[in-house]
Amino acid sequence: MIQQTIEQKLHQTFNPTHLDVRNESNMHNVPPGSESHFKVIIVSDSFNGERLIARHRKVNSVLADELAGLFMP
């Protein structure tokens, strides 16, 4: 499952004090059971002093393979 992979990678990389990965695919026009839309809420000391965009870039960098797979036909 993509969700489990996302959770594992974020835990390993950022050692978060809070991590919530939600599959919101059912809120979009995709087949039932899809894993195409996720919401991530993460709290980690790794982000201290960083602007929001830098935090997003760090997360996106760690999940680059999973994000690429979401957009492949």
C-alpha atoms as a PDB file:
ATOM      1  CA  MET A   1       0.000   0.000   0.000  1.00  0.00           C
ATOM      2  CA  ILE A   2       1.209   3.460  -0.872  1.00  0.00           C
ATOM      3  CA  GLN A   3      -0.054   4.905   2.413  1.00  0.00           C
ATOM      4  CA  GLN A   4       2.129   2.546   4.458  1.00  0.00           C
ATOM      5  CA  THR A   5       5.171   3.374   2.338  1.00  0.00           C
ATOM      6  CA  ILE A   6       4.565   7.095   2.835  1.00  0.00           C
ATOM      7  CA  GLU A   7       4.251   6.643   6.600  1.00  0.00           C
ATOM      8  CA  GLN A   8       7.424   4.520   6.803  1.00  0.00           C
ATOM      9  CA  LYS A   9       9.531   6.935   4.761  1.00  0.00           C
ATOM     10  CA  LEU A  10       8.373   9.974   6.718  1.00  0.00           C
ATOM     11  CA  HIS A  11       8.992   8.246  10.064  1.00  0.00           C
ATOM     12  CA  GLN A  12      12.482   7.148   9.025  1.00  0.00           C
ATOM     13  CA  THR A  13      13.471  10.528   7.630  1.00  0.00           C
ATOM     14  CA  PHE A  14      11.903  13.030  10.025  1.00  0.00           C
ATOM     15  CA  ASN A  15      11.325  11.098  13.281  1.00  0.00           C
ATOM     16  CA  PRO A  16       8.060  12.996  13.784  1.00  0.00           C
ATOM     17  CA  THR A  17       6.372  13.692  17.092  1.00  0.00           C
ATOM     18  CA  HIS A  18       3.074  13.536  15.179  1.00  0.00           C
ATOM     19  CA  LEU A  19       2.271  11.984  11.803  1.00  0.00           C
ATOM     20  CA  ASP A  20      -1.142  11.615  10.194  1.00  0.00           C
ATOM     21  CA  VAL A  21      -1.363  10.323   6.619  1.00  0.00           C
ATOM     22  CA  ARG A  22      -4.914  10.302   5.278  1.00  0.00           C
ATOM     23  CA  ASN A  23      -6.038   8.704   2.049  1.00  0.00           C
ATOM     24  CA  GLU A  24      -8.534  11.205   0.640  1.00  0.00           C
ATOM     25  CA  SER A  25      -8.907   9.469  -2.722  1.00  0.00           C
ATOM     26  CA  ASN A  26     -12.571   8.723  -2.017  1.00  0.00           C
ATOM     27  CA  MET A  27     -13.195  12.484  -2.164  1.00  0.00           C
ATOM     28  CA  HIS A  28     -12.101  12.565  -5.815  1.00  0.00           C
ATOM     29  CA  ASN A  29     -13.332  11.076  -9.073  1.00  0.00           C
ATOM     30  CA  VAL A  30     -11.234   7.894  -8.953  1.00  0.00           C
ATOM     31  CA  PRO A  31     -12.097   4.184  -8.793  1.00  0.00           C
ATOM     32  CA  PRO A  32     -12.991   2.739  -5.380  1.00  0.00           C
ATOM     33  CA  GLY A  33      -9.936   1.630  -3.406  1.00  0.00           C
ATOM     34  CA  SER A  34      -7.616   4.086  -5.160  1.00  0.00           C
ATOM     35  CA  GLU A  35      -4.551   5.519  -3.465  1.00  0.00           C
ATOM     36  CA  SER A  36      -4.105   8.710  -5.438  1.00  0.00           C
ATOM     37  CA  HIS A  37      -4.797  11.619  -3.057  1.00  0.00           C
ATOM     38  CA  PHE A  38      -3.193  11.948   0.360  1.00  0.00           C
ATOM     39  CA  LYS A  39      -3.144  14.561   3.084  1.00  0.00           C
ATOM     40  CA  VAL A  40      -0.097  14.556   5.364  1.00  0.00           C
ATOM     41  CA  ILE A  41       0.103  16.283   8.725  1.00  0.00           C
ATOM     42  CA  ILE A  42       3.589  16.001  10.183  1.00  0.00           C
ATOM     43  CA  VAL A  43       5.252  17.621  13.192  1.00  0.00           C
ATOM     44  CA  SER A  44       8.999  17.206  13.549  1.00  0.00           C
ATOM     45  CA  ASP A  45      11.973  19.044  15.015  1.00  0.00           C
ATOM     46  CA  SER A  46      13.498  18.611  11.536  1.00  0.00           C
ATOM     47  CA  PHE A  47      11.343  21.525  10.411  1.00  0.00           C
ATOM     48  CA  ASN A  48      12.304  23.999  13.158  1.00  0.00           C
ATOM     49  CA  GLY A  49      13.071  27.429  11.729  1.00  0.00           C
ATOM     50  CA  GLU A  50      11.988  26.440   8.213  1.00  0.00           C
ATOM     51  CA  ARG A  51       9.404  28.235   6.129  1.00  0.00           C
ATOM     52  CA  LEU A  52       6.334  26.313   5.014  1.00  0.00           C
ATOM     53  CA  ILE A  53       7.554  25.989   1.421  1.00  0.00           C
ATOM     54  CA  ALA A  54      10.872  24.496   2.595  1.00  0.00           C
ATOM     55  CA  ARG A  55       8.956  21.973   4.713  1.00  0.00           C
ATOM     56  CA  HIS A  56       6.823  21.002   1.723  1.00  0.00           C
ATOM     57  CA  ARG A  57       9.905  20.601  -0.441  1.00  0.00           C
ATOM     58  CA  LYS A  58      11.569  18.314   2.109  1.00  0.00           C
ATOM     59  CA  VAL A  59       8.504  16.071   2.316  1.00  0.00           C
ATOM     60  CA  ASN A  60       8.044  16.055  -1.465  1.00  0.00           C
ATOM     61  CA  SER A  61      11.714  15.176  -1.936  1.00  0.00           C
ATOM     62  CA  VAL A  62      11.433  12.158   0.380  1.00  0.00           C
ATOM     63  CA  LEU A  63       8.261  11.026  -1.407  1.00  0.00           C
ATOM     64  CA  ALA A  64       9.445  11.762  -4.963  1.00  0.00           C
ATOM     65  CA  ASP A  65       9.044   8.154  -6.151  1.00  0.00           C
ATOM     66  CA  GLU A  66       5.540   7.826  -4.686  1.00  0.00           C
ATOM     67  CA  LEU A  67       4.471  11.194  -6.108  1.00  0.00           C
ATOM     68  CA  ALA A  68       5.779  10.266  -9.541  1.00  0.00           C
ATOM     69  CA  GLY A  69       3.821   7.011  -9.413  1.00  0.00           C
ATOM     70  CA  LEU A  70       0.603   8.862  -8.610  1.00  0.00           C
ATOM     71  CA  PHE A  71       0.813  10.783 -11.865  1.00  0.00           C
ATOM     72  CA  MET A  72       1.795   7.908 -14.127  1.00  0.00           C
ATOM     73  CA  PRO A  73      -0.987   6.520 -16.343  1.00  0.00           C
END
